[in-house]
Amino acid sequence: MRKIILLSDVMGIWMYNDRKAYKRLTDTFFKKNNIKLELVEKVDKEIFPKLAQKGREGKLTYKEVIENYFKAMNCKSYKKLAKEYITFEFRNLRKYIRLYKYSKRILSLLKKSGIRVIGIRDSVYSIKEMKRILKVLKVEKYFDKVYTSNSLKVEKPRLFNLFKNVKPKLFLGHDDDELLGAKKCGFVTIGLKNRKADYYISSIKALPRVIKWLIEKRSL
C-alpha cells in the first residue's frame, strides 16, 4: 500500500482557541503593565486585524506583529513589552489553546496505521512557533510535518497548489473555501461537520474508518 498523505487543518480540527480564556489571561497582562483595556479594545478592532493579515501572509513575523501592536498603543518600550508578551503567551499556552476530546486518540490511530499527517494553518506563527505549540500540547510526534502561511507566504486555498503533485492525498477540513480549494488541486476531501466535501463526518472519531474505506474502495 502506498503511503497515504492526509493534509489537515490544525485549528478547528484537532485543537481550538478558547477566546474567552485568552481574553481573561491577556487582560491580566495589560493591567499589570498599566495599559487601559479600552485602548486595547480599540487597537484590537482597528489595527490588529491588518497586522494579523500581514502576519498570515508572511509580510511580518509574529514578533513584528506584536511589536507593531504595542507600538499602536503608544507604548514607549514596545519591543521589550512585545518580547514579554510573547513569553507570557507561550508560558500560558495550555490555558487557552486546547485539544478536542478525541484528538490525541485519533492522531495516534492514524500514526499506527501509517497515515502521514501534515498539519497546515493560516497563521501569524512561523513553522517553528507552530511546532512549539504542538509540542506544548504533546501532539507534535503525530504530525509528520507542519506548515504555516506565515512561513510559506501563502494562505489557503492557494496554499494547496504546493501539494498538487503529491499522490495519493486527502484533505481534512471544516471551512467551505478550503474544502473547495483542495478539491480543485486534486485532493479527496473529508469535511468535519461540512457537507461541501467529498465525504462528510460528524465527528473526528469517524476519520480512521472513512480513510480505511477510501483505501479499500477507491484504491488510494
Protein backbone atom coordinates (compact mmCIF):
# COMPACT_ATOMS: atom_id res chain seq x y z
CA MET A 1 0.00 0.00 0.00
CA ARG A 2 1.25 3.44 -0.89
CA LYS A 3 1.80 5.99 1.84
CA ILE A 4 -1.39 7.96 2.35
CA ILE A 5 -0.89 11.66 2.97
CA LEU A 6 -3.56 13.41 5.00
CA LEU A 7 -3.27 17.16 4.79
CA SER A 8 -5.21 18.56 7.70
CA ASP A 9 -6.19 21.90 9.08
CA VAL A 10 -4.94 22.21 12.66
CA MET A 11 -7.20 24.71 14.38
CA GLY A 12 -10.85 23.73 14.39
CA ILE A 13 -9.96 20.09 13.73
CA TRP A 14 -7.55 18.94 16.43
CA MET A 15 -7.48 21.95 18.72
CA TYR A 16 -9.28 25.21 19.36
CA ASN A 17 -8.57 28.63 20.77
CA ASP A 18 -10.65 29.36 23.85
CA ARG A 19 -11.09 33.07 23.15
CA LYS A 20 -12.74 33.87 26.47
CA ALA A 21 -9.92 32.21 28.39
CA TYR A 22 -7.38 34.06 26.21
CA LYS A 23 -9.01 37.42 26.87
CA ARG A 24 -9.13 36.85 30.63
CA LEU A 25 -5.49 35.86 30.56
CA THR A 26 -4.20 38.72 28.43
CA ASP A 27 -6.27 41.30 30.31
CA THR A 28 -4.15 40.49 33.36
CA PHE A 29 -1.02 41.24 31.32
CA PHE A 30 -2.36 44.59 30.14
CA LYS A 31 -3.46 45.60 33.61
CA LYS A 32 -0.10 44.63 35.08
CA ASN A 33 1.59 46.88 32.55
CA ASN A 34 -0.84 49.77 33.11
CA ILE A 35 -2.39 49.57 29.64
CA LYS A 36 -6.03 50.61 29.59
CA LEU A 37 -8.37 47.90 28.34
CA GLU A 38 -10.35 50.50 26.39
CA LEU A 39 -7.22 51.26 24.37
CA VAL A 40 -6.57 47.55 23.85
CA GLU A 41 -10.12 47.09 22.57
CA LYS A 42 -9.72 49.97 20.13
CA VAL A 43 -6.41 48.68 18.75
CA ASP A 44 -7.83 45.14 18.56
CA LYS A 45 -10.70 46.40 16.45
CA GLU A 46 -9.00 48.97 14.22
CA ILE A 47 -5.36 47.95 13.83
CA PHE A 48 -4.68 44.36 14.88
CA PRO A 49 -6.73 42.73 12.04
CA LYS A 50 -4.47 44.44 9.48
CA LEU A 51 -1.32 43.41 11.35
CA ALA A 52 -2.60 39.82 11.66
CA GLN A 53 -3.31 39.68 7.92
CA LYS A 54 0.25 40.77 7.15
CA GLY A 55 1.45 38.11 9.58
CA ARG A 56 -0.60 35.38 7.91
CA GLU A 57 0.77 36.45 4.53
CA GLY A 58 4.35 36.31 5.83
CA LYS A 59 4.93 40.04 5.38
CA LEU A 60 5.61 40.35 9.12
CA THR A 61 6.99 37.85 11.61
CA TYR A 62 4.91 37.11 14.70
CA LYS A 63 7.36 39.16 16.75
CA GLU A 64 6.93 42.11 14.38
CA VAL A 65 3.13 41.79 14.55
CA ILE A 66 3.22 42.05 18.35
CA GLU A 67 5.79 44.85 18.32
CA ASN A 68 3.59 46.89 16.00
CA TYR A 69 0.59 46.01 18.15
CA PHE A 70 2.13 47.62 21.23
CA LYS A 71 3.56 50.46 19.16
CA ALA A 72 -0.02 51.27 18.11
CA MET A 73 -0.84 51.62 21.81
CA ASN A 74 1.92 54.24 22.10
CA CYS A 75 3.93 52.06 24.49
CA LYS A 76 7.41 53.57 24.81
CA SER A 77 9.25 50.27 25.30
CA TYR A 78 7.08 48.42 22.77
CA LYS A 79 9.82 45.99 21.67
CA LYS A 80 10.59 44.97 25.26
CA LEU A 81 6.88 44.69 26.01
CA ALA A 82 6.30 42.56 22.91
CA LYS A 83 9.04 40.15 23.99
CA GLU A 84 7.48 39.84 27.45
CA TYR A 85 4.02 39.33 25.94
CA ILE A 86 5.17 36.52 23.63
CA THR A 87 6.90 34.79 26.54
CA PHE A 88 3.72 35.21 28.60
CA GLU A 89 1.58 33.74 25.81
CA PHE A 90 3.65 30.61 25.35
CA ARG A 91 4.08 30.09 29.08
CA ASN A 92 0.30 30.03 29.47
CA LEU A 93 -0.50 28.29 26.19
CA ARG A 94 -2.34 25.33 27.71
CA LYS A 95 -4.79 27.69 29.41
CA TYR A 96 -6.30 28.92 26.15
CA ILE A 97 -5.34 26.52 23.34
CA ARG A 98 -6.98 23.18 24.00
CA LEU A 99 -7.20 19.83 22.27
CA TYR A 100 -10.60 18.45 21.37
CA LYS A 101 -11.62 15.41 23.37
CA TYR A 102 -10.62 12.68 20.89
CA SER A 103 -7.74 14.43 19.10
CA LYS A 104 -4.82 12.60 20.65
CA ARG A 105 -6.51 9.19 20.36
CA ILE A 106 -7.35 9.61 16.67
CA LEU A 107 -3.95 11.08 15.79
CA SER A 108 -2.34 8.08 17.49
CA LEU A 109 -4.51 5.66 15.48
CA LEU A 110 -3.59 7.39 12.23
CA LYS A 111 0.10 7.21 13.09
CA LYS A 112 -0.13 3.49 13.84
CA SER A 113 -1.96 2.97 10.53
CA GLY A 114 0.92 4.53 8.60
CA ILE A 115 -1.02 7.63 7.59
CA ARG A 116 1.25 10.65 7.13
CA VAL A 117 -0.48 13.62 8.76
CA ILE A 118 0.65 17.03 7.56
CA GLY A 119 -0.75 19.96 9.51
CA ILE A 120 -1.38 23.28 7.83
CA ARG A 121 -2.58 26.54 9.31
CA ASP A 122 -3.21 30.10 8.15
CA SER A 123 -1.36 31.77 10.97
CA VAL A 124 0.87 34.62 12.13
CA TYR A 125 3.08 31.90 13.64
CA SER A 126 6.09 30.51 11.81
CA ILE A 127 6.57 26.77 11.35
CA LYS A 128 8.98 26.78 14.29
CA GLU A 129 6.43 28.52 16.53
CA MET A 130 3.65 26.18 15.42
CA LYS A 131 5.79 23.16 16.24
CA ARG A 132 6.37 24.66 19.66
CA ILE A 133 2.61 24.84 20.21
CA LEU A 134 2.17 21.19 19.16
CA LYS A 135 4.99 20.20 21.48
CA VAL A 136 3.42 22.01 24.45
CA LEU A 137 0.15 20.19 23.74
CA LYS A 138 2.08 16.90 23.43
CA VAL A 139 0.91 16.06 19.90
CA GLU A 140 3.96 17.08 17.84
CA LYS A 141 5.03 13.44 17.32
CA TYR A 142 1.79 12.66 15.47
CA PHE A 143 2.45 15.18 12.69
CA ASP A 144 4.99 14.22 10.02
CA LYS A 145 5.25 17.86 9.04
CA VAL A 146 3.55 21.15 9.79
CA TYR A 147 3.33 24.27 7.64
CA THR A 148 2.02 27.78 8.24
CA SER A 149 1.03 30.50 5.82
CA ASN A 150 3.46 32.85 7.61
CA SER A 151 6.43 30.68 6.64
CA LEU A 152 5.14 29.69 3.20
CA LYS A 153 3.94 33.26 2.48
CA VAL A 154 0.70 31.99 1.01
CA GLU A 155 -2.71 31.31 2.57
CA LYS A 156 -5.28 28.64 1.88
CA PRO A 157 -6.78 27.83 -0.56
CA ARG A 158 -3.82 28.89 -2.79
CA LEU A 159 -1.55 27.00 -0.42
CA PHE A 160 -2.90 23.71 -1.79
CA ASN A 161 -1.08 24.35 -5.08
CA LEU A 162 2.16 23.49 -3.27
CA PHE A 163 0.88 19.91 -2.89
CA LYS A 164 -0.77 19.38 -6.28
CA ASN A 165 1.84 16.84 -7.45
CA VAL A 166 1.58 14.70 -4.32
CA LYS A 167 -0.46 11.48 -4.73
CA PRO A 168 -2.48 9.90 -3.21
CA LYS A 169 -3.73 12.66 -0.96
CA LEU A 170 -6.59 13.56 1.33
CA PHE A 171 -7.60 16.84 2.91
CA LEU A 172 -9.45 17.10 6.19
CA GLY A 173 -11.03 20.49 6.82
CA HIS A 174 -14.08 22.33 8.06
CA ASP A 175 -14.28 25.59 6.06
CA ASP A 176 -16.07 25.89 2.69
CA ASP A 177 -13.32 27.77 0.81
CA GLU A 178 -10.61 25.39 1.98
CA LEU A 179 -12.54 22.26 1.03
CA LEU A 180 -13.39 23.64 -2.40
CA GLY A 181 -9.82 24.85 -2.93
CA ALA A 182 -8.43 21.44 -2.01
CA LYS A 183 -10.81 19.74 -4.47
CA LYS A 184 -9.51 21.93 -7.30
CA CYS A 185 -5.98 20.74 -6.54
CA GLY A 186 -6.98 17.08 -6.77
CA PHE A 187 -7.49 16.26 -3.11
CA VAL A 188 -10.12 13.82 -1.94
CA THR A 189 -11.78 15.94 0.73
CA ILE A 190 -13.25 14.98 4.09
CA GLY A 191 -15.38 17.62 5.78
CA LEU A 192 -15.73 17.72 9.54
CA LYS A 193 -19.32 18.87 10.00
CA ASN A 194 -19.23 20.30 6.48
CA ARG A 195 -21.06 18.75 3.53
CA LYS A 196 -19.12 20.70 0.88
CA ALA A 197 -16.55 17.90 0.97
CA ASP A 198 -16.47 14.65 -0.98
CA TYR A 199 -17.08 12.80 2.28
CA TYR A 200 -18.73 14.07 5.45
CA ILE A 201 -18.00 13.14 9.06
CA SER A 202 -19.92 14.44 12.06
CA SER A 203 -17.15 13.52 14.49
CA ILE A 204 -13.40 13.12 14.28
CA LYS A 205 -13.91 9.62 15.71
CA ALA A 206 -15.17 8.52 12.28
CA LEU A 207 -11.99 9.60 10.46
CA PRO A 208 -9.96 6.34 10.66
CA ARG A 209 -12.95 4.31 9.45
CA VAL A 210 -13.54 6.64 6.50
CA ILE A 211 -9.87 6.59 5.49
CA LYS A 212 -9.82 2.78 5.69
CA TRP A 213 -12.92 2.64 3.48
CA LEU A 214 -11.34 5.02 0.94
CA ILE A 215 -8.19 2.89 0.78
CA GLU A 216 -10.20 -0.27 0.18
CA LYS A 217 -12.97 1.04 -2.09
CA ARG A 218 -11.13 3.77 -4.01
CA SER A 219 -7.73 2.05 -4.02
CA LEU A 220 -5.88 5.13 -2.78
